[in-house]
Amino acid sequence: MRLVKVASFPSRVEAGLAAGILESNGIMHTIRADDVGIFGPGHQGPFHKGVDLLVAETDLAEALSLLQDAGLLE
């Protein structure tokens, strides 16, 4: 299974909200963030490189549609 980025968010909290929408619609996902360093994985503020939400390539179109309908994507 090939993972692709469906969206990038400024914080893990916002990515988590989007992930919840995908999860409630049966779409598997993973969150990728550069949360090493002095703040560690508990950091809830903005990330310099953003927080990426990844889905299977086969689920990309549906994930984009769900996130757009929820107003989480421009």
C-alpha atoms as a PDB file:
ATOM      1  CA  MET A   1       0.000   0.000   0.000  1.00  0.00           C
ATOM      2  CA  ARG A   2       1.401   3.366  -1.027  1.00  0.00           C
ATOM      3  CA  LEU A   3       0.743   6.287   1.358  1.00  0.00           C
ATOM      4  CA  VAL A   4       0.206   9.792  -0.013  1.00  0.00           C
ATOM      5  CA  LYS A   5      -0.220  13.155   1.689  1.00  0.00           C
ATOM      6  CA  VAL A   6      -3.829  14.284   1.727  1.00  0.00           C
ATOM      7  CA  ALA A   7      -3.142  17.521   3.631  1.00  0.00           C
ATOM      8  CA  SER A   8      -0.687  19.371   5.827  1.00  0.00           C
ATOM      9  CA  PHE A   9      -1.745  21.214   8.994  1.00  0.00           C
ATOM     10  CA  PRO A  10       0.076  23.696  11.239  1.00  0.00           C
ATOM     11  CA  SER A  11      -0.464  21.625  14.407  1.00  0.00           C
ATOM     12  CA  ARG A  12      -1.043  18.052  15.547  1.00  0.00           C
ATOM     13  CA  VAL A  13      -4.393  19.114  17.030  1.00  0.00           C
ATOM     14  CA  GLU A  14      -5.732  20.233  13.636  1.00  0.00           C
ATOM     15  CA  ALA A  15      -4.350  17.117  11.963  1.00  0.00           C
ATOM     16  CA  GLY A  16      -6.062  15.041  14.657  1.00  0.00           C
ATOM     17  CA  LEU A  17      -9.427  16.641  13.916  1.00  0.00           C
ATOM     18  CA  ALA A  18      -9.060  15.799  10.229  1.00  0.00           C
ATOM     19  CA  ALA A  19      -7.897  12.285  11.085  1.00  0.00           C
ATOM     20  CA  GLY A  20     -11.017  11.781  13.206  1.00  0.00           C
ATOM     21  CA  ILE A  21     -13.235  12.604  10.238  1.00  0.00           C
ATOM     22  CA  LEU A  22     -11.389  10.103   8.074  1.00  0.00           C
ATOM     23  CA  GLU A  23     -11.460   7.449  10.787  1.00  0.00           C
ATOM     24  CA  SER A  24     -15.211   7.850  11.354  1.00  0.00           C
ATOM     25  CA  ASN A  25     -15.668   7.203   7.628  1.00  0.00           C
ATOM     26  CA  GLY A  26     -13.535   4.054   7.615  1.00  0.00           C
ATOM     27  CA  ILE A  27     -10.414   5.568   6.042  1.00  0.00           C
ATOM     28  CA  MET A  28      -7.143   4.406   7.557  1.00  0.00           C
ATOM     29  CA  HIS A  29      -4.562   7.152   8.029  1.00  0.00           C
ATOM     30  CA  THR A  30      -1.325   8.079   9.687  1.00  0.00           C
ATOM     31  CA  ILE A  31       0.043  11.383  10.926  1.00  0.00           C
ATOM     32  CA  ARG A  32       3.643  12.378  10.189  1.00  0.00           C
ATOM     33  CA  ALA A  33       5.290  15.224  12.071  1.00  0.00           C
ATOM     34  CA  ASP A  34       8.773  16.329  12.971  1.00  0.00           C
ATOM     35  CA  ASP A  35       8.182  16.242  16.701  1.00  0.00           C
ATOM     36  CA  VAL A  36      11.624  15.387  17.892  1.00  0.00           C
ATOM     37  CA  GLY A  37      13.631  17.988  19.706  1.00  0.00           C
ATOM     38  CA  ILE A  38      13.115  19.988  22.853  1.00  0.00           C
ATOM     39  CA  PHE A  39       9.304  19.864  22.804  1.00  0.00           C
ATOM     40  CA  GLY A  40       8.869  16.157  22.015  1.00  0.00           C
ATOM     41  CA  PRO A  41       5.709  14.345  20.893  1.00  0.00           C
ATOM     42  CA  GLY A  42       3.482  16.086  23.459  1.00  0.00           C
ATOM     43  CA  HIS A  43       3.951  19.460  21.755  1.00  0.00           C
ATOM     44  CA  GLN A  44       0.575  20.914  20.704  1.00  0.00           C
ATOM     45  CA  GLY A  45       1.714  24.182  19.108  1.00  0.00           C
ATOM     46  CA  PRO A  46       2.585  24.871  15.492  1.00  0.00           C
ATOM     47  CA  PHE A  47       5.262  22.847  13.723  1.00  0.00           C
ATOM     48  CA  HIS A  48       7.815  24.508  11.488  1.00  0.00           C
ATOM     49  CA  LYS A  49       7.355  21.938   8.711  1.00  0.00           C
ATOM     50  CA  GLY A  50       3.680  21.245   9.380  1.00  0.00           C
ATOM     51  CA  VAL A  51       1.949  18.013  10.281  1.00  0.00           C
ATOM     52  CA  ASP A  52       1.119  15.735   7.353  1.00  0.00           C
ATOM     53  CA  LEU A  53      -1.963  13.540   7.177  1.00  0.00           C
ATOM     54  CA  LEU A  54      -1.341  10.474   4.999  1.00  0.00           C
ATOM     55  CA  VAL A  55      -3.799   7.999   3.499  1.00  0.00           C
ATOM     56  CA  ALA A  56      -3.604   5.070   1.111  1.00  0.00           C
ATOM     57  CA  GLU A  57      -3.385   6.262  -2.476  1.00  0.00           C
ATOM     58  CA  THR A  58      -6.627   4.413  -3.229  1.00  0.00           C
ATOM     59  CA  ASP A  59      -8.447   6.474  -0.551  1.00  0.00           C
ATOM     60  CA  LEU A  60      -7.093   9.886  -1.589  1.00  0.00           C
ATOM     61  CA  ALA A  61     -10.106  11.149  -3.567  1.00  0.00           C
ATOM     62  CA  GLU A  62     -12.595  10.185  -0.857  1.00  0.00           C
ATOM     63  CA  ALA A  63     -10.387  11.663   1.891  1.00  0.00           C
ATOM     64  CA  LEU A  64     -10.069  14.956   0.026  1.00  0.00           C
ATOM     65  CA  SER A  65     -13.825  15.111  -0.500  1.00  0.00           C
ATOM     66  CA  LEU A  66     -14.570  14.441   3.184  1.00  0.00           C
ATOM     67  CA  LEU A  67     -12.095  17.056   4.394  1.00  0.00           C
ATOM     68  CA  GLN A  68     -13.352  19.635   1.907  1.00  0.00           C
ATOM     69  CA  ASP A  69     -16.967  18.982   2.955  1.00  0.00           C
ATOM     70  CA  ALA A  70     -15.902  19.485   6.595  1.00  0.00           C
ATOM     71  CA  GLY A  71     -14.288  22.814   5.716  1.00  0.00           C
ATOM     72  CA  LEU A  72     -10.796  21.690   6.677  1.00  0.00           C
ATOM     73  CA  LEU A  73      -9.307  22.260   3.225  1.00  0.00           C
ATOM     74  CA  GLU A  74      -9.427  25.341   1.053  1.00  0.00           C
END
